[in-house]
Amino acid sequence: MSLVAEAFVSQIAVRWAKVNVIISSTDKGMGKSYPQTIAAEPWPENATLYQQLKGEQILLSDNAASLAVQAFLQMCNLPIKVVCRANAEYMSPSGKVPFIHVGNQVVSELGPIVQFVKAKGHSLSDGLDEVQKAEMKAYMELVNNMLLTAELYLQWCDEATVGEITHARYGSPYPWPLNHILAYQKQWEVRRKMKAIGWGKKTLDQVLEDVDQCCQALSQRLGTQPYFFNKQPTELDALVFGHLYTILTTQLTSDELSEKVKNYSNLLAFCRRIEQHYFEDRGKGSSSIRLS
């Protein structure tokens, strides 16, 4: 693992270890708490996940986030129907996709969805000890801070990608001039965020180096195991799969991003393993998710 990635993971792991001690001492769970009536309700067959239009609108980062949630729910053996809506981003309670509609509850983004599912009695990480949970959360933050941020940078800050792909796809469902207005508004928001976190002046080569460092850290943590914590997947596996698989299968202006992932054979095997076990092998039922 690179020194930068190793230091980041260690720092986050220590922070989460302290958080877990506090939580354990007060006997409280992280995140939003749900009433017992909601927790007692069985998972419905008509549970729905919403995202943007798959073929012509959704961007790399949102597609990765949606696939991560789909993988997580598949790993929990919970059926979900994927529905594509042009205005999914504006339907979401947080303004981000994906979001799920389960009973009378609407929950968006992977973290809150994990907590919601846990409240209903389904968890992938209950078998981990506190140290392992802290490590898992550290690697999830690494993915969000490096891979997700790199995807957003590429979509909205790389001029070639913006000009050839992002603006056209993001505004595709809307008539002129609304399509351009919404795309430029989103670009301004993301670029402001990039400046705030110190990515505004990065070059594409620097961003790709960050991606490589993240992949190196993930590759070393995975090793020869089928999943990051040996034989059973956790939400970390779902998150990593969502991002890596989407990077590998999304056509951009160049192959530079996907080539960084392809340098690590165990990460490629990891993506293929999850695709086969949780999507292809379960793709026959109407309530299952099927990769195109």
C-alpha atoms as a PDB file:
ATOM      1  CA  MET A   1       0.000   0.000   0.000  1.00  0.00           C
ATOM      2  CA  SER A   2       1.279   3.521  -0.732  1.00  0.00           C
ATOM      3  CA  LEU A   3       2.256   5.633   2.255  1.00  0.00           C
ATOM      4  CA  VAL A   4      -0.525   8.138   1.536  1.00  0.00           C
ATOM      5  CA  ALA A   5      -3.259   5.486   1.337  1.00  0.00           C
ATOM      6  CA  GLU A   6      -1.883   3.611   4.337  1.00  0.00           C
ATOM      7  CA  ALA A   7      -1.812   6.778   6.450  1.00  0.00           C
ATOM      8  CA  PHE A   8      -5.365   7.639   5.401  1.00  0.00           C
ATOM      9  CA  VAL A   9      -6.735   4.192   6.242  1.00  0.00           C
ATOM     10  CA  SER A  10      -4.914   4.127   9.594  1.00  0.00           C
ATOM     11  CA  GLN A  11      -6.206   7.563  10.526  1.00  0.00           C
ATOM     12  CA  ILE A  12      -9.807   6.699   9.696  1.00  0.00           C
ATOM     13  CA  ALA A  13      -9.569   3.309  11.433  1.00  0.00           C
ATOM     14  CA  VAL A  14      -8.408   4.974  14.648  1.00  0.00           C
ATOM     15  CA  ARG A  15     -11.222   7.505  14.426  1.00  0.00           C
ATOM     16  CA  TRP A  16     -13.859   4.793  13.905  1.00  0.00           C
ATOM     17  CA  ALA A  17     -12.418   2.698  16.710  1.00  0.00           C
ATOM     18  CA  LYS A  18     -12.936   5.641  19.075  1.00  0.00           C
ATOM     19  CA  VAL A  19     -16.464   6.161  17.751  1.00  0.00           C
ATOM     20  CA  ASN A  20     -17.288   2.490  18.296  1.00  0.00           C
ATOM     21  CA  VAL A  21     -16.073   2.668  21.904  1.00  0.00           C
ATOM     22  CA  ILE A  22     -18.364   5.630  22.545  1.00  0.00           C
ATOM     23  CA  ILE A  23     -21.290   3.914  20.860  1.00  0.00           C
ATOM     24  CA  SER A  24     -20.724   0.675  22.760  1.00  0.00           C
ATOM     25  CA  SER A  25     -20.615   2.483  26.071  1.00  0.00           C
ATOM     26  CA  THR A  26     -23.922   4.211  25.391  1.00  0.00           C
ATOM     27  CA  ASP A  27     -25.488   1.182  23.705  1.00  0.00           C
ATOM     28  CA  LYS A  28     -26.634   3.166  20.692  1.00  0.00           C
ATOM     29  CA  GLY A  29     -26.455   2.350  16.990  1.00  0.00           C
ATOM     30  CA  MET A  30     -25.047   4.649  14.371  1.00  0.00           C
ATOM     31  CA  GLY A  31     -27.278   6.607  12.059  1.00  0.00           C
ATOM     32  CA  LYS A  32     -31.017   7.135  12.070  1.00  0.00           C
ATOM     33  CA  SER A  33     -33.093   4.972  14.398  1.00  0.00           C
ATOM     34  CA  TYR A  34     -36.325   3.477  13.083  1.00  0.00           C
ATOM     35  CA  PRO A  35     -39.529   2.690  14.997  1.00  0.00           C
ATOM     36  CA  GLN A  36     -40.035  -0.931  16.001  1.00  0.00           C
ATOM     37  CA  THR A  37     -43.083  -1.113  13.734  1.00  0.00           C
ATOM     38  CA  ILE A  38     -40.880  -0.420  10.707  1.00  0.00           C
ATOM     39  CA  ALA A  39     -38.229  -2.872  11.854  1.00  0.00           C
ATOM     40  CA  ALA A  40     -40.867  -5.570  12.334  1.00  0.00           C
ATOM     41  CA  GLU A  41     -42.326  -5.177   8.853  1.00  0.00           C
ATOM     42  CA  PRO A  42     -41.057  -7.832   6.402  1.00  0.00           C
ATOM     43  CA  TRP A  43     -39.179  -6.776   3.304  1.00  0.00           C
ATOM     44  CA  PRO A  44     -41.834  -6.273   0.599  1.00  0.00           C
ATOM     45  CA  GLU A  45     -41.693  -7.875  -2.821  1.00  0.00           C
ATOM     46  CA  ASN A  46     -42.377  -4.512  -4.465  1.00  0.00           C
ATOM     47  CA  ALA A  47     -39.380  -2.674  -2.966  1.00  0.00           C
ATOM     48  CA  THR A  48     -38.065  -0.236  -5.577  1.00  0.00           C
ATOM     49  CA  LEU A  49     -34.733   1.421  -6.317  1.00  0.00           C
ATOM     50  CA  TYR A  50     -34.762   4.653  -8.330  1.00  0.00           C
ATOM     51  CA  GLN A  51     -31.952   5.964 -10.504  1.00  0.00           C
ATOM     52  CA  GLN A  52     -31.570   8.087 -13.642  1.00  0.00           C
ATOM     53  CA  LEU A  53     -32.171   6.733 -17.140  1.00  0.00           C
ATOM     54  CA  LYS A  54     -29.690   3.911 -17.685  1.00  0.00           C
ATOM     55  CA  GLY A  55     -28.876   4.162 -21.373  1.00  0.00           C
ATOM     56  CA  GLU A  56     -28.705   7.865 -22.094  1.00  0.00           C
ATOM     57  CA  GLN A  57     -28.553   9.896 -18.869  1.00  0.00           C
ATOM     58  CA  ILE A  58     -26.896   8.378 -15.802  1.00  0.00           C
ATOM     59  CA  LEU A  59     -23.263   9.355 -15.207  1.00  0.00           C
ATOM     60  CA  LEU A  60     -20.344   7.258 -13.982  1.00  0.00           C
ATOM     61  CA  SER A  61     -20.507   8.246 -10.301  1.00  0.00           C
ATOM     62  CA  ASP A  62     -24.278   7.808  -9.977  1.00  0.00           C
ATOM     63  CA  ASN A  63     -24.185   4.514 -11.847  1.00  0.00           C
ATOM     64  CA  ALA A  64     -21.474   3.291  -9.457  1.00  0.00           C
ATOM     65  CA  ALA A  65     -23.500   4.357  -6.425  1.00  0.00           C
ATOM     66  CA  SER A  66     -26.612   2.638  -7.736  1.00  0.00           C
ATOM     67  CA  LEU A  67     -24.761  -0.579  -8.520  1.00  0.00           C
ATOM     68  CA  ALA A  68     -23.211  -0.590  -5.035  1.00  0.00           C
ATOM     69  CA  VAL A  69     -26.670  -0.450  -3.437  1.00  0.00           C
ATOM     70  CA  GLN A  70     -27.990  -3.140  -5.787  1.00  0.00           C
ATOM     71  CA  ALA A  71     -25.029  -5.374  -4.901  1.00  0.00           C
ATOM     72  CA  PHE A  72     -25.556  -4.773  -1.186  1.00  0.00           C
ATOM     73  CA  LEU A  73     -29.230  -5.731  -1.376  1.00  0.00           C
ATOM     74  CA  GLN A  74     -28.392  -8.804  -3.437  1.00  0.00           C
ATOM     75  CA  MET A  75     -25.834  -9.832  -0.825  1.00  0.00           C
ATOM     76  CA  CYS A  76     -28.572  -9.470   1.807  1.00  0.00           C
ATOM     77  CA  ASN A  77     -30.856 -11.587  -0.406  1.00  0.00           C
ATOM     78  CA  LEU A  78     -33.419  -8.788  -0.547  1.00  0.00           C
ATOM     79  CA  PRO A  79     -35.358  -8.359  -3.812  1.00  0.00           C
ATOM     80  CA  ILE A  80     -35.415  -4.930  -5.410  1.00  0.00           C
ATOM     81  CA  LYS A  81     -36.891  -3.613  -8.651  1.00  0.00           C
ATOM     82  CA  VAL A  82     -34.804  -0.982 -10.456  1.00  0.00           C
ATOM     83  CA  VAL A  83     -36.839   1.883 -11.905  1.00  0.00           C
ATOM     84  CA  CYS A  84     -35.228   4.548 -14.086  1.00  0.00           C
ATOM     85  CA  ARG A  85     -36.603   8.081 -13.945  1.00  0.00           C
ATOM     86  CA  ALA A  86     -35.224  11.172 -15.650  1.00  0.00           C
ATOM     87  CA  ASN A  87     -35.918  13.232 -12.504  1.00  0.00           C
ATOM     88  CA  ALA A  88     -34.646  10.649  -9.981  1.00  0.00           C
ATOM     89  CA  GLU A  89     -32.060  13.102  -8.629  1.00  0.00           C
ATOM     90  CA  TYR A  90     -34.828  15.584  -7.827  1.00  0.00           C
ATOM     91  CA  MET A  91     -37.121  12.897  -6.384  1.00  0.00           C
ATOM     92  CA  SER A  92     -34.460  11.829  -3.865  1.00  0.00           C
ATOM     93  CA  PRO A  93     -34.803  13.177  -0.304  1.00  0.00           C
ATOM     94  CA  SER A  94     -31.067  13.968  -0.256  1.00  0.00           C
ATOM     95  CA  GLY A  95     -30.780  15.050  -3.880  1.00  0.00           C
ATOM     96  CA  LYS A  96     -28.556  12.046  -4.567  1.00  0.00           C
ATOM     97  CA  VAL A  97     -29.166   8.671  -6.175  1.00  0.00           C
ATOM     98  CA  PRO A  98     -29.949   5.958  -5.753  1.00  0.00           C
ATOM     99  CA  PHE A  99     -32.838   5.931  -3.339  1.00  0.00           C
ATOM    100  CA  ILE A 100     -35.122   3.093  -2.363  1.00  0.00           C
ATOM    101  CA  HIS A 101     -38.857   3.047  -1.676  1.00  0.00           C
ATOM    102  CA  VAL A 102     -39.717   0.310   0.821  1.00  0.00           C
ATOM    103  CA  GLY A 103     -43.227   0.332   2.258  1.00  0.00           C
ATOM    104  CA  ASN A 104     -43.800   3.945   3.274  1.00  0.00           C
ATOM    105  CA  GLN A 105     -40.083   4.662   3.716  1.00  0.00           C
ATOM    106  CA  VAL A 106     -37.825   6.472   1.241  1.00  0.00           C
ATOM    107  CA  VAL A 107     -34.079   6.193   1.925  1.00  0.00           C
ATOM    108  CA  SER A 108     -31.225   7.466  -0.232  1.00  0.00           C
ATOM    109  CA  GLU A 109     -27.512   6.594  -0.537  1.00  0.00           C
ATOM    110  CA  LEU A 110     -25.642   3.481   0.567  1.00  0.00           C
ATOM    111  CA  GLY A 111     -24.847   4.440   4.177  1.00  0.00           C
ATOM    112  CA  PRO A 112     -28.413   5.261   5.247  1.00  0.00           C
ATOM    113  CA  ILE A 113     -29.721   2.285   3.256  1.00  0.00           C
ATOM    114  CA  VAL A 114     -27.328  -0.031   5.133  1.00  0.00           C
ATOM    115  CA  GLN A 115     -28.660   1.338   8.432  1.00  0.00           C
ATOM    116  CA  PHE A 116     -32.279   0.999   7.293  1.00  0.00           C
ATOM    117  CA  VAL A 117     -31.736  -2.600   6.212  1.00  0.00           C
ATOM    118  CA  LYS A 118     -29.962  -3.345   9.490  1.00  0.00           C
ATOM    119  CA  ALA A 119     -32.980  -2.013  11.400  1.00  0.00           C
ATOM    120  CA  LYS A 120     -35.071  -4.571   9.538  1.00  0.00           C
ATOM    121  CA  GLY A 121     -32.783  -7.373  10.719  1.00  0.00           C
ATOM    122  CA  HIS A 122     -30.372  -7.749   7.802  1.00  0.00           C
ATOM    123  CA  SER A 123     -26.655  -7.027   8.215  1.00  0.00           C
ATOM    124  CA  LEU A 124     -23.536  -8.124   6.355  1.00  0.00           C
ATOM    125  CA  SER A 125     -21.052  -6.953   8.979  1.00  0.00           C
ATOM    126  CA  ASP A 126     -22.477  -8.264  12.265  1.00  0.00           C
ATOM    127  CA  GLY A 127     -19.910 -11.065  12.224  1.00  0.00           C
ATOM    128  CA  LEU A 128     -16.987  -8.630  12.326  1.00  0.00           C
ATOM    129  CA  ASP A 129     -15.339  -7.581  15.581  1.00  0.00           C
ATOM    130  CA  GLU A 130     -14.942  -3.900  16.465  1.00  0.00           C
ATOM    131  CA  VAL A 131     -11.445  -3.642  14.990  1.00  0.00           C
ATOM    132  CA  GLN A 132     -12.608  -5.174  11.720  1.00  0.00           C
ATOM    133  CA  LYS A 133     -15.631  -2.856  11.596  1.00  0.00           C
ATOM    134  CA  ALA A 134     -13.346   0.136  12.080  1.00  0.00           C
ATOM    135  CA  GLU A 135     -11.093  -1.111   9.276  1.00  0.00           C
ATOM    136  CA  MET A 136     -14.073  -1.729   7.015  1.00  0.00           C
ATOM    137  CA  LYS A 137     -15.352   1.807   7.533  1.00  0.00           C
ATOM    138  CA  ALA A 138     -11.854   3.204   6.921  1.00  0.00           C
ATOM    139  CA  TYR A 139     -11.648   1.499   3.541  1.00  0.00           C
ATOM    140  CA  MET A 140     -15.151   2.671   2.667  1.00  0.00           C
ATOM    141  CA  GLU A 141     -14.064   6.236   3.369  1.00  0.00           C
ATOM    142  CA  LEU A 142     -10.974   5.646   1.250  1.00  0.00           C
ATOM    143  CA  VAL A 143     -13.182   4.595  -1.673  1.00  0.00           C
ATOM    144  CA  ASN A 144     -15.494   7.575  -1.250  1.00  0.00           C
ATOM    145  CA  ASN A 145     -12.652  10.057  -0.819  1.00  0.00           C
ATOM    146  CA  MET A 146     -10.587   8.788  -3.750  1.00  0.00           C
ATOM    147  CA  LEU A 147     -12.626   6.791  -6.268  1.00  0.00           C
ATOM    148  CA  LEU A 148     -15.892   8.716  -5.972  1.00  0.00           C
ATOM    149  CA  THR A 149     -14.102  12.070  -5.964  1.00  0.00           C
ATOM    150  CA  ALA A 150     -12.030  11.024  -8.978  1.00  0.00           C
ATOM    151  CA  GLU A 151     -15.209  10.053 -10.837  1.00  0.00           C
ATOM    152  CA  LEU A 152     -16.766  13.435 -10.088  1.00  0.00           C
ATOM    153  CA  TYR A 153     -13.566  15.214 -11.139  1.00  0.00           C
ATOM    154  CA  LEU A 154     -13.449  13.326 -14.426  1.00  0.00           C
ATOM    155  CA  GLN A 155     -17.128  14.010 -15.159  1.00  0.00           C
ATOM    156  CA  TRP A 156     -17.178  17.699 -14.359  1.00  0.00           C
ATOM    157  CA  CYS A 157     -13.597  19.031 -14.369  1.00  0.00           C
ATOM    158  CA  ASP A 158     -11.935  17.212 -17.275  1.00  0.00           C
ATOM    159  CA  GLU A 159     -12.782  19.394 -20.275  1.00  0.00           C
ATOM    160  CA  ALA A 160     -12.734  16.566 -22.811  1.00  0.00           C
ATOM    161  CA  THR A 161     -15.150  14.427 -20.775  1.00  0.00           C
ATOM    162  CA  VAL A 162     -17.382  17.399 -19.989  1.00  0.00           C
ATOM    163  CA  GLY A 163     -17.596  18.426 -23.635  1.00  0.00           C
ATOM    164  CA  GLU A 164     -18.023  14.988 -25.193  1.00  0.00           C
ATOM    165  CA  ILE A 165     -20.037  13.098 -22.562  1.00  0.00           C
ATOM    166  CA  THR A 166     -21.176  14.805 -19.367  1.00  0.00           C
ATOM    167  CA  HIS A 167     -23.205  17.786 -20.563  1.00  0.00           C
ATOM    168  CA  ALA A 168     -24.990  15.809 -23.265  1.00  0.00           C
ATOM    169  CA  ARG A 169     -25.917  12.916 -20.965  1.00  0.00           C
ATOM    170  CA  TYR A 170     -26.845  14.969 -17.900  1.00  0.00           C
ATOM    171  CA  GLY A 171     -29.186  17.264 -19.825  1.00  0.00           C
ATOM    172  CA  SER A 172     -30.490  14.662 -22.274  1.00  0.00           C
ATOM    173  CA  PRO A 173     -34.047  14.287 -20.865  1.00  0.00           C
ATOM    174  CA  TYR A 174     -34.721  18.033 -20.927  1.00  0.00           C
ATOM    175  CA  PRO A 175     -35.504  20.474 -23.758  1.00  0.00           C
ATOM    176  CA  TRP A 176     -33.288  23.390 -24.747  1.00  0.00           C
ATOM    177  CA  PRO A 177     -32.289  25.611 -22.964  1.00  0.00           C
ATOM    178  CA  LEU A 178     -33.094  23.752 -19.720  1.00  0.00           C
ATOM    179  CA  ASN A 179     -30.678  20.953 -20.631  1.00  0.00           C
ATOM    180  CA  HIS A 180     -27.761  23.402 -20.752  1.00  0.00           C
ATOM    181  CA  ILE A 181     -28.852  25.337 -17.675  1.00  0.00           C
ATOM    182  CA  LEU A 182     -29.078  22.211 -15.492  1.00  0.00           C
ATOM    183  CA  ALA A 183     -25.757  20.850 -16.757  1.00  0.00           C
ATOM    184  CA  TYR A 184     -23.882  24.103 -16.115  1.00  0.00           C
ATOM    185  CA  GLN A 185     -25.521  24.463 -12.704  1.00  0.00           C
ATOM    186  CA  LYS A 186     -24.387  20.964 -11.727  1.00  0.00           C
ATOM    187  CA  GLN A 187     -20.897  21.603 -13.098  1.00  0.00           C
ATOM    188  CA  TRP A 188     -20.607  24.773 -11.020  1.00  0.00           C
ATOM    189  CA  GLU A 189     -21.692  22.896  -7.875  1.00  0.00           C
ATOM    190  CA  VAL A 190     -19.201  20.071  -8.369  1.00  0.00           C
ATOM    191  CA  ARG A 191     -16.305  22.376  -9.257  1.00  0.00           C
ATOM    192  CA  ARG A 192     -16.993  24.443  -6.152  1.00  0.00           C
ATOM    193  CA  LYS A 193     -16.819  21.230  -4.098  1.00  0.00           C
ATOM    194  CA  MET A 194     -13.566  20.233  -5.801  1.00  0.00           C
ATOM    195  CA  LYS A 195     -12.016  23.560  -4.845  1.00  0.00           C
ATOM    196  CA  ALA A 196     -13.235  23.211  -1.255  1.00  0.00           C
ATOM    197  CA  ILE A 197     -11.545  19.822  -0.785  1.00  0.00           C
ATOM    198  CA  GLY A 198      -8.317  20.781  -2.535  1.00  0.00           C
ATOM    199  CA  TRP A 199      -8.947  19.044  -5.865  1.00  0.00           C
ATOM    200  CA  GLY A 200      -9.682  22.169  -7.892  1.00  0.00           C
ATOM    201  CA  LYS A 201      -6.131  22.618  -9.206  1.00  0.00           C
ATOM    202  CA  LYS A 202      -5.269  18.951  -9.638  1.00  0.00           C
ATOM    203  CA  THR A 203      -4.296  17.697 -13.054  1.00  0.00           C
ATOM    204  CA  LEU A 204      -5.820  14.602 -14.612  1.00  0.00           C
ATOM    205  CA  ASP A 205      -2.534  12.753 -14.123  1.00  0.00           C
ATOM    206  CA  GLN A 206      -2.614  13.542 -10.394  1.00  0.00           C
ATOM    207  CA  VAL A 207      -6.189  12.300 -10.130  1.00  0.00           C
ATOM    208  CA  LEU A 208      -5.308   9.078 -11.934  1.00  0.00           C
ATOM    209  CA  GLU A 209      -2.387   8.598  -9.529  1.00  0.00           C
ATOM    210  CA  ASP A 210      -4.829   8.908  -6.615  1.00  0.00           C
ATOM    211  CA  VAL A 211      -6.995   6.238  -8.230  1.00  0.00           C
ATOM    212  CA  ASP A 212      -3.967   3.984  -8.609  1.00  0.00           C
ATOM    213  CA  GLN A 213      -3.027   4.454  -4.935  1.00  0.00           C
ATOM    214  CA  CYS A 214      -6.589   3.570  -3.908  1.00  0.00           C
ATOM    215  CA  CYS A 215      -6.602   0.462  -6.106  1.00  0.00           C
ATOM    216  CA  GLN A 216      -3.222  -0.557  -4.718  1.00  0.00           C
ATOM    217  CA  ALA A 217      -4.525  -0.263  -1.155  1.00  0.00           C
ATOM    218  CA  LEU A 218      -7.655  -2.264  -2.002  1.00  0.00           C
ATOM    219  CA  SER A 219      -5.673  -4.905  -3.867  1.00  0.00           C
ATOM    220  CA  GLN A 220      -3.294  -5.426  -0.961  1.00  0.00           C
ATOM    221  CA  ARG A 221      -6.159  -5.623   1.552  1.00  0.00           C
ATOM    222  CA  LEU A 222      -8.038  -8.124  -0.593  1.00  0.00           C
ATOM    223  CA  GLY A 223      -5.019 -10.315  -1.299  1.00  0.00           C
ATOM    224  CA  THR A 224      -6.076 -13.822  -2.307  1.00  0.00           C
ATOM    225  CA  GLN A 225      -9.332 -13.767  -0.333  1.00  0.00           C
ATOM    226  CA  PRO A 226     -12.657 -13.943  -2.181  1.00  0.00           C
ATOM    227  CA  TYR A 227     -13.889 -10.894  -0.241  1.00  0.00           C
ATOM    228  CA  PHE A 228     -12.254  -8.205   1.854  1.00  0.00           C
ATOM    229  CA  PHE A 229     -13.065 -10.000   5.095  1.00  0.00           C
ATOM    230  CA  ASN A 230     -12.432 -13.537   3.867  1.00  0.00           C
ATOM    231  CA  LYS A 231     -15.397 -15.710   2.836  1.00  0.00           C
ATOM    232  CA  GLN A 232     -18.423 -13.462   3.373  1.00  0.00           C
ATOM    233  CA  PRO A 233     -19.082 -10.101   1.695  1.00  0.00           C
ATOM    234  CA  THR A 234     -19.756  -6.900   3.625  1.00  0.00           C
ATOM    235  CA  GLU A 235     -20.976  -3.472   2.570  1.00  0.00           C
ATOM    236  CA  LEU A 236     -17.334  -2.687   1.707  1.00  0.00           C
ATOM    237  CA  ASP A 237     -17.414  -5.376  -0.973  1.00  0.00           C
ATOM    238  CA  ALA A 238     -20.644  -3.933  -2.372  1.00  0.00           C
ATOM    239  CA  LEU A 239     -19.207  -0.408  -2.453  1.00  0.00           C
ATOM    240  CA  VAL A 240     -15.917  -1.426  -4.071  1.00  0.00           C
ATOM    241  CA  PHE A 241     -17.700  -3.591  -6.641  1.00  0.00           C
ATOM    242  CA  GLY A 242     -20.070  -0.774  -7.570  1.00  0.00           C
ATOM    243  CA  HIS A 243     -17.235   1.632  -8.322  1.00  0.00           C
ATOM    244  CA  LEU A 244     -14.707  -0.725  -9.903  1.00  0.00           C
ATOM    245  CA  TYR A 245     -17.217  -2.557 -12.099  1.00  0.00           C
ATOM    246  CA  THR A 246     -18.681   0.710 -13.330  1.00  0.00           C
ATOM    247  CA  ILE A 247     -15.233   2.127 -14.085  1.00  0.00           C
ATOM    248  CA  LEU A 248     -14.382  -1.030 -16.022  1.00  0.00           C
ATOM    249  CA  THR A 249     -17.581  -1.032 -18.083  1.00  0.00           C
ATOM    250  CA  THR A 250     -18.174   2.675 -18.753  1.00  0.00           C
ATOM    251  CA  GLN A 251     -16.967   4.135 -22.040  1.00  0.00           C
ATOM    252  CA  LEU A 252     -15.162   7.438 -21.520  1.00  0.00           C
ATOM    253  CA  THR A 253     -13.040   9.631 -23.773  1.00  0.00           C
ATOM    254  CA  SER A 254     -10.015   7.424 -22.983  1.00  0.00           C
ATOM    255  CA  ASP A 255      -9.229   4.158 -21.190  1.00  0.00           C
ATOM    256  CA  GLU A 256      -6.848   5.751 -18.672  1.00  0.00           C
ATOM    257  CA  LEU A 257      -9.185   5.337 -15.704  1.00  0.00           C
ATOM    258  CA  SER A 258     -10.136   1.721 -16.371  1.00  0.00           C
ATOM    259  CA  GLU A 259      -6.500   0.823 -17.079  1.00  0.00           C
ATOM    260  CA  LYS A 260      -5.634   1.761 -13.498  1.00  0.00           C
ATOM    261  CA  VAL A 261      -8.063  -0.891 -12.244  1.00  0.00           C
ATOM    262  CA  LYS A 262      -6.936  -3.456 -14.806  1.00  0.00           C
ATOM    263  CA  ASN A 263      -3.408  -3.341 -13.352  1.00  0.00           C
ATOM    264  CA  TYR A 264      -4.679  -5.365 -10.363  1.00  0.00           C
ATOM    265  CA  SER A 265      -5.696  -8.884 -11.348  1.00  0.00           C
ATOM    266  CA  ASN A 266      -7.249  -9.746  -7.984  1.00  0.00           C
ATOM    267  CA  LEU A 267      -9.579  -6.727  -8.236  1.00  0.00           C
ATOM    268  CA  LEU A 268     -10.673  -7.871 -11.693  1.00  0.00           C
ATOM    269  CA  ALA A 269     -11.330 -11.379 -10.359  1.00  0.00           C
ATOM    270  CA  PHE A 270     -13.204  -9.847  -7.414  1.00  0.00           C
ATOM    271  CA  CYS A 271     -15.540  -7.913  -9.750  1.00  0.00           C
ATOM    272  CA  ARG A 272     -16.153 -10.950 -11.902  1.00  0.00           C
ATOM    273  CA  ARG A 273     -16.846 -13.110  -8.835  1.00  0.00           C
ATOM    274  CA  ILE A 274     -19.543 -10.755  -7.528  1.00  0.00           C
ATOM    275  CA  GLU A 275     -21.040 -10.256 -10.981  1.00  0.00           C
ATOM    276  CA  GLN A 276     -21.364 -14.003 -11.484  1.00  0.00           C
ATOM    277  CA  HIS A 277     -22.603 -14.909  -8.014  1.00  0.00           C
ATOM    278  CA  TYR A 278     -24.963 -12.025  -7.251  1.00  0.00           C
ATOM    279  CA  PHE A 279     -26.176 -10.932 -10.672  1.00  0.00           C
ATOM    280  CA  GLU A 280     -25.798 -13.587 -13.357  1.00  0.00           C
ATOM    281  CA  ASP A 281     -26.695 -16.565 -11.119  1.00  0.00           C
ATOM    282  CA  ARG A 282     -29.730 -14.739  -9.706  1.00  0.00           C
ATOM    283  CA  GLY A 283     -30.873 -12.973 -12.822  1.00  0.00           C
ATOM    284  CA  LYS A 284     -33.743 -15.276 -13.679  1.00  0.00           C
ATOM    285  CA  GLY A 285     -36.306 -14.001 -11.172  1.00  0.00           C
ATOM    286  CA  SER A 286     -38.394 -10.934 -11.941  1.00  0.00           C
ATOM    287  CA  SER A 287     -37.435  -9.284  -8.657  1.00  0.00           C
ATOM    288  CA  SER A 288     -33.705  -9.840  -9.132  1.00  0.00           C
ATOM    289  CA  ILE A 289     -31.216  -7.404 -10.598  1.00  0.00           C
ATOM    290  CA  ARG A 290     -29.718  -8.156 -13.967  1.00  0.00           C
ATOM    291  CA  LEU A 291     -26.642  -6.453 -15.337  1.00  0.00           C
ATOM    292  CA  SER A 292     -26.939  -5.366 -18.944  1.00  0.00           C
END
